Amino acid sequence: MVALNKLQKAPPYPVEQALKRLGENLRTARIRRSITIADAAARIGTGPRAVMDAEKGKASTGIVVYAGLLWLYDLLQPFEDIADPLKDPEGLSLQSARERTRVRKSGGLDNDF
């Protein structure tokens, strides 16, 4: 048996709540489409237990199961927006703060022609 890491045993509260909401939303999407747990599992190539765990929002469930279910329900969005500057202003400001700015040495050039 594979040992669980600390994040899987006790994720931060916001992460835990986000996974629970995602699981509830996945369950709602499955029910709206009249798909059984067994059918969803077979269509994404996993077992029913993995689908049940994802719908419960368990942190130990692999991301591939969550992504597979989102794909199955046609809810998988491209991840291109992750590094989009319009969607990540904090990351953009941190990057610009680390960039070097070019500074001229004093006494080099003057405006005397």
C-alpha atoms as a PDB file:
ATOM      1  CA  MET A   1       0.000   0.000   0.000  1.00  0.00           C
ATOM      2  CA  VAL A   2       1.256   3.450  -0.903  1.00  0.00           C
ATOM      3  CA  ALA A   3       1.774   5.834   1.998  1.00  0.00           C
ATOM      4  CA  LEU A   4      -0.253   9.039   1.862  1.00  0.00           C
ATOM      5  CA  ASN A   5       1.619  12.289   2.084  1.00  0.00           C
ATOM      6  CA  LYS A   6       0.638  15.033   4.529  1.00  0.00           C
ATOM      7  CA  LEU A   7      -1.311  16.979   1.923  1.00  0.00           C
ATOM      8  CA  GLN A   8      -3.467  13.939   1.185  1.00  0.00           C
ATOM      9  CA  LYS A   9      -4.038  13.171   4.869  1.00  0.00           C
ATOM     10  CA  ALA A  10      -4.888  16.694   5.954  1.00  0.00           C
ATOM     11  CA  PRO A  11      -5.106  19.244   3.139  1.00  0.00           C
ATOM     12  CA  PRO A  12      -5.504  22.939   3.993  1.00  0.00           C
ATOM     13  CA  TYR A  13      -9.115  23.804   4.734  1.00  0.00           C
ATOM     14  CA  PRO A  14      -9.717  25.834   1.523  1.00  0.00           C
ATOM     15  CA  VAL A  15      -8.308  22.964  -0.562  1.00  0.00           C
ATOM     16  CA  GLU A  16     -10.503  20.458   1.252  1.00  0.00           C
ATOM     17  CA  GLN A  17     -13.610  22.586   0.701  1.00  0.00           C
ATOM     18  CA  ALA A  18     -12.785  23.123  -2.982  1.00  0.00           C
ATOM     19  CA  LEU A  19     -12.407  19.366  -3.506  1.00  0.00           C
ATOM     20  CA  LYS A  20     -15.727  18.711  -1.774  1.00  0.00           C
ATOM     21  CA  ARG A  21     -17.477  21.272  -3.982  1.00  0.00           C
ATOM     22  CA  LEU A  22     -15.841  19.787  -7.066  1.00  0.00           C
ATOM     23  CA  GLY A  23     -16.956  16.304  -6.023  1.00  0.00           C
ATOM     24  CA  GLU A  24     -20.527  17.457  -5.428  1.00  0.00           C
ATOM     25  CA  ASN A  25     -20.559  19.194  -8.812  1.00  0.00           C
ATOM     26  CA  LEU A  26     -19.213  16.072 -10.524  1.00  0.00           C
ATOM     27  CA  ARG A  27     -21.946  13.982  -8.905  1.00  0.00           C
ATOM     28  CA  THR A  28     -24.611  16.459 -10.009  1.00  0.00           C
ATOM     29  CA  ALA A  29     -23.228  16.440 -13.566  1.00  0.00           C
ATOM     30  CA  ARG A  30     -23.268  12.618 -13.637  1.00  0.00           C
ATOM     31  CA  ILE A  31     -26.837  12.410 -12.350  1.00  0.00           C
ATOM     32  CA  ARG A  32     -28.064  15.057 -14.811  1.00  0.00           C
ATOM     33  CA  ARG A  33     -26.616  12.975 -17.635  1.00  0.00           C
ATOM     34  CA  SER A  34     -28.217   9.771 -16.283  1.00  0.00           C
ATOM     35  CA  ILE A  35     -24.865   8.005 -16.069  1.00  0.00           C
ATOM     36  CA  THR A  36     -24.277   5.366 -13.402  1.00  0.00           C
ATOM     37  CA  ILE A  37     -21.099   5.257 -11.345  1.00  0.00           C
ATOM     38  CA  ALA A  38     -20.125   1.971 -12.986  1.00  0.00           C
ATOM     39  CA  ASP A  39     -20.695   3.378 -16.474  1.00  0.00           C
ATOM     40  CA  ALA A  40     -18.688   6.535 -15.719  1.00  0.00           C
ATOM     41  CA  ALA A  41     -15.852   4.421 -14.325  1.00  0.00           C
ATOM     42  CA  ALA A  42     -15.826   2.143 -17.363  1.00  0.00           C
ATOM     43  CA  ARG A  43     -15.847   5.070 -19.787  1.00  0.00           C
ATOM     44  CA  ILE A  44     -12.820   6.762 -18.203  1.00  0.00           C
ATOM     45  CA  GLY A  45     -11.009   3.472 -17.586  1.00  0.00           C
ATOM     46  CA  THR A  46     -11.039   3.225 -13.812  1.00  0.00           C
ATOM     47  CA  GLY A  47     -13.006   1.469 -11.096  1.00  0.00           C
ATOM     48  CA  PRO A  48     -16.247   2.556  -9.451  1.00  0.00           C
ATOM     49  CA  ARG A  49     -14.447   3.212  -6.144  1.00  0.00           C
ATOM     50  CA  ALA A  50     -12.307   5.916  -7.779  1.00  0.00           C
ATOM     51  CA  VAL A  51     -15.430   7.663  -9.130  1.00  0.00           C
ATOM     52  CA  MET A  52     -17.122   7.461  -5.723  1.00  0.00           C
ATOM     53  CA  ASP A  53     -14.016   8.863  -4.030  1.00  0.00           C
ATOM     54  CA  ALA A  54     -13.842  11.736  -6.535  1.00  0.00           C
ATOM     55  CA  GLU A  55     -17.502  12.546  -5.921  1.00  0.00           C
ATOM     56  CA  LYS A  56     -16.772  12.648  -2.181  1.00  0.00           C
ATOM     57  CA  GLY A  57     -13.898  15.062  -2.836  1.00  0.00           C
ATOM     58  CA  LYS A  58     -11.186  12.871  -1.352  1.00  0.00           C
ATOM     59  CA  ALA A  59      -7.740  14.420  -1.591  1.00  0.00           C
ATOM     60  CA  SER A  60      -6.139  11.015  -2.128  1.00  0.00           C
ATOM     61  CA  THR A  61      -7.980  10.568  -5.430  1.00  0.00           C
ATOM     62  CA  GLY A  62      -5.664  11.121  -8.375  1.00  0.00           C
ATOM     63  CA  ILE A  63      -6.052  14.246 -10.466  1.00  0.00           C
ATOM     64  CA  VAL A  64      -6.404  12.038 -13.545  1.00  0.00           C
ATOM     65  CA  VAL A  65      -9.722  10.723 -12.185  1.00  0.00           C
ATOM     66  CA  TYR A  66     -11.032  14.258 -11.657  1.00  0.00           C
ATOM     67  CA  ALA A  67      -9.811  15.302 -15.125  1.00  0.00           C
ATOM     68  CA  GLY A  68     -11.281  12.154 -16.676  1.00  0.00           C
ATOM     69  CA  LEU A  69     -14.690  12.846 -15.168  1.00  0.00           C
ATOM     70  CA  LEU A  70     -14.585  16.481 -16.265  1.00  0.00           C
ATOM     71  CA  TRP A  71     -13.724  15.283 -19.783  1.00  0.00           C
ATOM     72  CA  LEU A  72     -16.508  12.696 -19.727  1.00  0.00           C
ATOM     73  CA  TYR A  73     -19.077  15.343 -18.801  1.00  0.00           C
ATOM     74  CA  ASP A  74     -17.617  17.767 -21.367  1.00  0.00           C
ATOM     75  CA  LEU A  75     -16.600  20.213 -18.639  1.00  0.00           C
ATOM     76  CA  LEU A  76     -12.821  20.073 -19.080  1.00  0.00           C
ATOM     77  CA  GLN A  77     -11.539  23.531 -19.917  1.00  0.00           C
ATOM     78  CA  PRO A  78      -8.096  24.121 -21.403  1.00  0.00           C
ATOM     79  CA  PHE A  79      -5.403  25.119 -18.957  1.00  0.00           C
ATOM     80  CA  GLU A  80      -4.083  27.868 -21.223  1.00  0.00           C
ATOM     81  CA  ASP A  81      -5.513  30.533 -18.910  1.00  0.00           C
ATOM     82  CA  ILE A  82      -3.206  29.588 -16.034  1.00  0.00           C
ATOM     83  CA  ALA A  83      -0.342  31.811 -17.166  1.00  0.00           C
ATOM     84  CA  ASP A  84      -2.555  34.436 -18.823  1.00  0.00           C
ATOM     85  CA  PRO A  85      -1.462  37.854 -17.499  1.00  0.00           C
ATOM     86  CA  LEU A  86      -5.050  39.048 -17.386  1.00  0.00           C
ATOM     87  CA  LYS A  87      -5.974  36.157 -15.104  1.00  0.00           C
ATOM     88  CA  ASP A  88      -2.808  36.325 -12.951  1.00  0.00           C
ATOM     89  CA  PRO A  89      -2.021  39.949 -12.067  1.00  0.00           C
ATOM     90  CA  GLU A  90      -0.222  38.957  -8.845  1.00  0.00           C
ATOM     91  CA  GLY A  91       2.149  36.634 -10.694  1.00  0.00           C
ATOM     92  CA  LEU A  92       2.804  39.297 -13.294  1.00  0.00           C
ATOM     93  CA  SER A  93       3.665  41.915 -10.668  1.00  0.00           C
ATOM     94  CA  LEU A  94       5.985  39.476  -8.867  1.00  0.00           C
ATOM     95  CA  GLN A  95       7.757  38.714 -12.142  1.00  0.00           C
ATOM     96  CA  SER A  96       8.218  42.384 -13.017  1.00  0.00           C
ATOM     97  CA  ALA A  97       9.631  43.086  -9.546  1.00  0.00           C
ATOM     98  CA  ARG A  98      12.351  40.468 -10.113  1.00  0.00           C
ATOM     99  CA  GLU A  99      13.342  41.718 -13.558  1.00  0.00           C
ATOM    100  CA  ARG A 100      16.451  43.817 -13.811  1.00  0.00           C
ATOM    101  CA  THR A 101      16.217  47.365 -15.003  1.00  0.00           C
ATOM    102  CA  ARG A 102      18.988  48.877 -17.069  1.00  0.00           C
ATOM    103  CA  VAL A 103      20.702  51.797 -15.404  1.00  0.00           C
ATOM    104  CA  ARG A 104      23.377  53.968 -17.012  1.00  0.00           C
ATOM    105  CA  LYS A 105      26.532  54.647 -15.125  1.00  0.00           C
ATOM    106  CA  SER A 106      26.796  58.222 -13.931  1.00  0.00           C
ATOM    107  CA  GLY A 107      29.307  60.441 -15.675  1.00  0.00           C
ATOM    108  CA  GLY A 108      29.214  58.501 -18.905  1.00  0.00           C
ATOM    109  CA  LEU A 109      27.357  60.682 -21.410  1.00  0.00           C
ATOM    110  CA  ASP A 110      26.364  64.293 -21.292  1.00  0.00           C
ATOM    111  CA  ASN A 111      24.338  66.640 -23.444  1.00  0.00           C
ATOM    112  CA  ASP A 112      27.305  68.915 -24.287  1.00  0.00           C
ATOM    113  CA  PHE A 113      27.716  69.004 -28.071  1.00  0.00           C
END
